[in-house]
Structure formats: C-alpha cells, structure tokens
Amino acid sequence: MFERFTDQARRTVVLASEAARAHNHDYLGTEHILLGLIREREGAAAKSLESFGVAAAIIDSRLTTGQGEQARSGHIPFTRHAKRILEQSMRETSLLGHERIGTEQILLALIDDRESAGARLLGDVLQVDFDQLRQHILRQVTEHRLTAELGLGPTHVTNVRLSDAEHALCVAAAAKAGQPVDAWMRERILDAARAGGSGTE
C-alpha cells in the first residue's frame, strides 16, 4: 500500500508516528493521522483543513498524553480504525481514477469513518459539516487534475460554480459511468458545445 503513496502521504504517516510518540502513545490512531495530515502542510488535505480554520495546535491540544514510559522505539502499530482508513484511501483513489494515494484520499477516508477518534475530533472543531468538507476536497481534486494531469493551462480552465447538491449529482453520475468526475464533466461540456455548434453555419 505505501508504495502507492505520494511523498506527501508518506510524510503524513511519518508525522502521525511522531505525534503518537510525542504524546507517549504506543499506538498510531486516526487522531494522529489527522494531525499528520495538517502538519504535512503541502498536501491537498492540509490546505483544505487550513481553509476551514483547522490548525495543528488546536488538534494537538485535544490529544491526551500517556503517563510513564516513552512510546516504544521502532514501528508503532496502527489501530483498527487507522488500518481501515488507509485501506479506504485506496478505494477513494480508485473512485477518483488516480494511480497514487494522496493526502486528499486519506482525509476523505477519515471523514467517512465517523466513529473514529480522528473524525470525532475533527467534527468538534470543524466549522462546516463533513459533507461540505468532502465536496470542497472533490472540487479541489477536480481543479488540480484539469490543470495538471490533463495538461490544461490556467487559461483553458472554465470556472463553473456548482452548488454542493449539483456537484454531488455530477459525482454520482460520473461514478455510475465509471469515470473520474472531472473527465465526465469535461465530456458533457464538450458534447453540449458540439451539439450547440452543429446547427450553425
């Protein structure tokens, strides 16, 4: 799994492990992954969380610190929820049509596991609900793919504003068609343009 991680996603796991050690925890949980996502800073997840006012210091202050000996050296085992989130991040990656697992997929997986400590902690400090955060992340992913992976320069990107409900409809339709949402939307726009131009001389 980690071979498919981007450098930013790998850095997130390293930072999560450091957070667990700093709090004398002998496990790596979803709360540590959340902190790692924010402290990584360069990834899409950190930027999305920062835009909603979620800071590392706020999350860190809410983590309990273990008593007694320092956390073990070497590998710290993942909790059941943490393992589930990493596995779900692979599925999120496939649904988005990506090859590599980035911080955005890890965050999407985290907010889907509402019972995890990380999700509960995030829910306590987040200024919007998880559905709004998810739609924001998906929009960011779409814009990034249009400008980077599809090779379109900024002058070729059309800024179409959709409500959360409209965007959710597009995501569902794209998933049904087995396509990434950005590719599906691009085809629909081009189809409409071709249809509109076919009747002109």
Protein backbone atom coordinates (compact mmCIF):
# COMPACT_ATOMS: atom_id res chain seq x y z
CA MET A 1 0.00 0.00 0.00
CA PHE A 2 2.69 2.51 1.00
CA GLU A 3 4.41 2.02 -2.36
CA ARG A 4 1.38 3.73 -3.93
CA PHE A 5 1.52 6.66 -1.51
CA THR A 6 2.67 10.05 -2.75
CA ASP A 7 5.62 11.61 -0.94
CA GLN A 8 3.15 13.85 0.90
CA ALA A 9 1.06 10.89 2.04
CA ARG A 10 4.17 9.07 3.28
CA ARG A 11 5.25 12.17 5.11
CA THR A 12 1.82 12.29 6.73
CA VAL A 13 2.32 8.80 8.19
CA VAL A 14 5.78 9.75 9.48
CA LEU A 15 4.35 12.86 11.14
CA ALA A 16 1.47 10.81 12.59
CA SER A 17 4.00 8.43 14.12
CA GLU A 18 5.93 11.37 15.58
CA ALA A 19 2.70 12.74 17.06
CA ALA A 20 1.96 9.38 18.72
CA ARG A 21 5.44 9.30 20.25
CA ALA A 22 5.20 12.91 21.41
CA HIS A 23 2.08 12.01 23.39
CA ASN A 24 3.60 8.78 24.77
CA HIS A 25 1.09 6.62 22.89
CA ASP A 26 2.04 3.05 21.96
CA TYR A 27 -0.42 3.01 19.06
CA LEU A 28 -0.95 5.08 15.91
CA GLY A 29 -4.59 6.11 15.68
CA THR A 30 -6.78 8.18 13.41
CA GLU A 31 -6.26 11.21 15.64
CA HIS A 32 -2.52 11.01 14.91
CA ILE A 33 -3.21 10.63 11.19
CA LEU A 34 -5.38 13.77 11.32
CA LEU A 35 -2.55 15.67 12.98
CA GLY A 36 -0.10 14.31 10.41
CA LEU A 37 -2.32 15.48 7.56
CA ILE A 38 -2.34 19.03 8.93
CA ARG A 39 1.37 19.17 9.79
CA GLU A 40 2.36 17.91 6.34
CA ARG A 41 1.23 21.37 5.10
CA GLU A 42 1.87 20.90 1.37
CA GLY A 43 -0.84 18.35 0.60
CA ALA A 44 -4.39 18.98 -0.55
CA ALA A 45 -5.72 17.75 2.80
CA ALA A 46 -3.72 20.29 4.81
CA LYS A 47 -4.75 23.12 2.54
CA SER A 48 -8.42 22.14 2.71
CA LEU A 49 -8.36 21.86 6.51
CA GLU A 50 -6.48 25.14 6.83
CA SER A 51 -9.08 26.90 4.68
CA PHE A 52 -11.71 25.85 7.25
CA GLY A 53 -9.63 27.05 10.20
CA VAL A 54 -8.44 23.66 11.43
CA ALA A 55 -4.94 24.17 12.88
CA ALA A 56 -2.42 21.61 14.15
CA ALA A 57 -2.17 23.38 17.51
CA ILE A 58 -5.92 23.01 18.09
CA ILE A 59 -5.89 19.28 17.34
CA ASP A 60 -2.68 18.67 19.28
CA SER A 61 -4.06 20.39 22.38
CA ARG A 62 -7.00 17.99 22.41
CA LEU A 63 -4.89 14.83 22.40
CA THR A 64 -4.31 13.15 25.73
CA THR A 65 -0.73 12.40 26.76
CA GLY A 66 0.16 8.99 28.14
CA GLN A 67 1.82 8.59 31.51
CA GLY A 68 5.01 6.77 32.34
CA GLU A 69 7.49 5.44 29.82
CA GLN A 70 8.07 6.84 26.40
CA ALA A 71 6.32 5.17 23.47
CA ARG A 72 8.23 2.23 22.02
CA SER A 73 11.02 2.80 19.54
CA GLY A 74 10.65 1.45 16.01
CA HIS A 75 7.29 0.63 14.47
CA ILE A 76 4.15 1.74 16.28
CA PRO A 77 1.13 -0.45 15.41
CA PHE A 78 -1.89 1.07 13.72
CA THR A 79 -5.26 0.89 15.45
CA ARG A 80 -8.14 -0.93 13.76
CA HIS A 81 -9.70 2.36 12.64
CA ALA A 82 -6.36 3.66 11.33
CA LYS A 83 -5.88 0.50 9.24
CA ARG A 84 -9.43 0.85 7.93
CA ILE A 85 -8.80 4.44 6.88
CA LEU A 86 -5.63 3.55 4.99
CA GLU A 87 -7.47 0.71 3.22
CA GLN A 88 -10.40 3.01 2.40
CA SER A 89 -7.98 5.59 0.99
CA MET A 90 -7.10 3.02 -1.69
CA ARG A 91 -10.77 2.74 -2.64
CA GLU A 92 -11.13 6.53 -2.69
CA THR A 93 -8.14 6.67 -5.03
CA SER A 94 -9.73 4.16 -7.41
CA LEU A 95 -13.06 6.03 -7.39
CA LEU A 96 -11.29 9.25 -8.34
CA GLY A 97 -9.39 7.49 -11.13
CA HIS A 98 -5.98 8.22 -9.61
CA GLU A 99 -2.95 5.95 -9.60
CA ARG A 100 -1.36 7.12 -6.35
CA ILE A 101 -2.78 7.66 -2.88
CA GLY A 102 -2.51 11.27 -1.74
CA THR A 103 -3.38 13.15 1.42
CA GLU A 104 -6.78 14.07 -0.01
CA GLN A 105 -7.80 10.41 -0.27
CA ILE A 106 -6.65 9.76 3.29
CA LEU A 107 -8.72 12.70 4.54
CA LEU A 108 -11.77 11.55 2.54
CA ALA A 109 -11.44 8.10 4.11
CA LEU A 110 -11.05 9.62 7.58
CA ILE A 111 -14.22 11.70 7.41
CA ASP A 112 -16.15 8.69 6.13
CA ASP A 113 -15.31 6.73 9.30
CA ARG A 114 -17.44 8.85 11.60
CA GLU A 115 -16.84 6.59 14.60
CA SER A 116 -13.06 7.01 14.58
CA ALA A 117 -11.32 9.22 17.13
CA GLY A 118 -9.88 11.38 14.34
CA ALA A 119 -13.27 12.02 12.76
CA ARG A 120 -14.88 12.84 16.11
CA LEU A 121 -12.03 15.19 16.94
CA LEU A 122 -12.29 16.90 13.57
CA GLY A 123 -16.06 17.20 13.91
CA ASP A 124 -15.60 19.05 17.20
CA VAL A 125 -13.50 21.81 15.65
CA LEU A 126 -14.64 21.92 12.02
CA GLN A 127 -16.74 24.95 11.09
CA VAL A 128 -18.71 23.06 8.42
CA ASP A 129 -20.18 19.58 8.24
CA PHE A 130 -18.32 16.62 6.73
CA ASP A 131 -20.40 16.64 3.55
CA GLN A 132 -19.35 20.22 2.82
CA LEU A 133 -15.72 19.34 3.51
CA ARG A 134 -15.94 16.34 1.20
CA GLN A 135 -17.41 18.42 -1.64
CA HIS A 136 -14.69 21.04 -1.13
CA ILE A 137 -11.95 18.39 -1.39
CA LEU A 138 -13.51 16.87 -4.52
CA ARG A 139 -13.67 20.29 -6.17
CA GLN A 140 -10.00 20.86 -5.32
CA VAL A 141 -9.09 17.48 -6.82
CA THR A 142 -11.04 18.26 -9.99
CA GLU A 143 -9.35 21.63 -10.45
CA HIS A 144 -5.91 20.09 -9.88
CA ARG A 145 -6.49 17.34 -12.42
CA LEU A 146 -7.74 19.81 -15.01
CA THR A 147 -4.67 21.99 -14.67
CA ALA A 148 -2.01 19.33 -14.04
CA GLU A 149 -2.93 15.82 -15.14
CA LEU A 150 -4.95 16.78 -18.22
CA GLY A 151 -2.27 19.25 -19.23
CA LEU A 152 -4.59 22.23 -19.43
CA GLY A 153 -3.09 25.60 -18.62
CA PRO A 154 -4.95 28.06 -16.39
CA THR A 155 -6.26 29.98 -19.40
CA HIS A 156 -8.10 26.85 -20.56
CA VAL A 157 -9.89 26.14 -17.29
CA THR A 158 -13.51 27.19 -17.18
CA ASN A 159 -14.62 28.07 -13.67
CA VAL A 160 -18.08 26.52 -13.36
CA ARG A 161 -19.68 27.18 -9.98
CA LEU A 162 -21.91 24.37 -8.74
CA SER A 163 -23.85 24.07 -5.54
CA ASP A 164 -22.94 21.16 -3.29
CA ALA A 165 -26.11 19.34 -4.42
CA GLU A 166 -25.29 19.90 -8.11
CA HIS A 167 -21.72 18.74 -7.65
CA ALA A 168 -22.92 15.64 -5.77
CA LEU A 169 -25.19 14.79 -8.73
CA CYS A 170 -22.20 15.06 -11.08
CA VAL A 171 -20.05 12.88 -8.82
CA ALA A 172 -22.79 10.23 -8.67
CA ALA A 173 -23.32 10.28 -12.46
CA ALA A 174 -19.58 10.05 -13.09
CA ALA A 175 -19.26 7.11 -10.70
CA LYS A 176 -22.14 5.35 -12.47
CA ALA A 177 -20.34 5.89 -15.78
CA GLY A 178 -17.11 4.57 -14.26
CA GLN A 179 -15.23 7.82 -14.87
CA PRO A 180 -13.44 10.40 -12.72
CA VAL A 181 -15.80 13.32 -12.16
CA ASP A 182 -13.55 15.82 -13.95
CA ALA A 183 -13.31 13.67 -17.08
CA TRP A 184 -17.08 13.06 -17.04
CA MET A 185 -17.84 16.78 -16.71
CA ARG A 186 -15.36 17.66 -19.46
CA GLU A 187 -17.07 15.21 -21.84
CA ARG A 188 -20.52 16.59 -21.02
CA ILE A 189 -19.34 20.18 -21.65
CA LEU A 190 -17.72 19.20 -24.96
CA ASP A 191 -20.80 17.21 -26.01
CA ALA A 192 -23.02 20.23 -25.33
CA ALA A 193 -20.65 22.51 -27.22
CA ARG A 194 -20.56 20.20 -30.22
CA ALA A 195 -24.35 19.86 -30.18
CA GLY A 196 -24.77 23.63 -29.98
CA GLY A 197 -22.32 24.19 -32.81
CA SER A 198 -23.74 21.59 -35.15
CA GLY A 199 -26.65 23.81 -36.13
CA THR A 200 -24.52 26.85 -37.01
CA GLU A 201 -23.01 27.67 -40.38
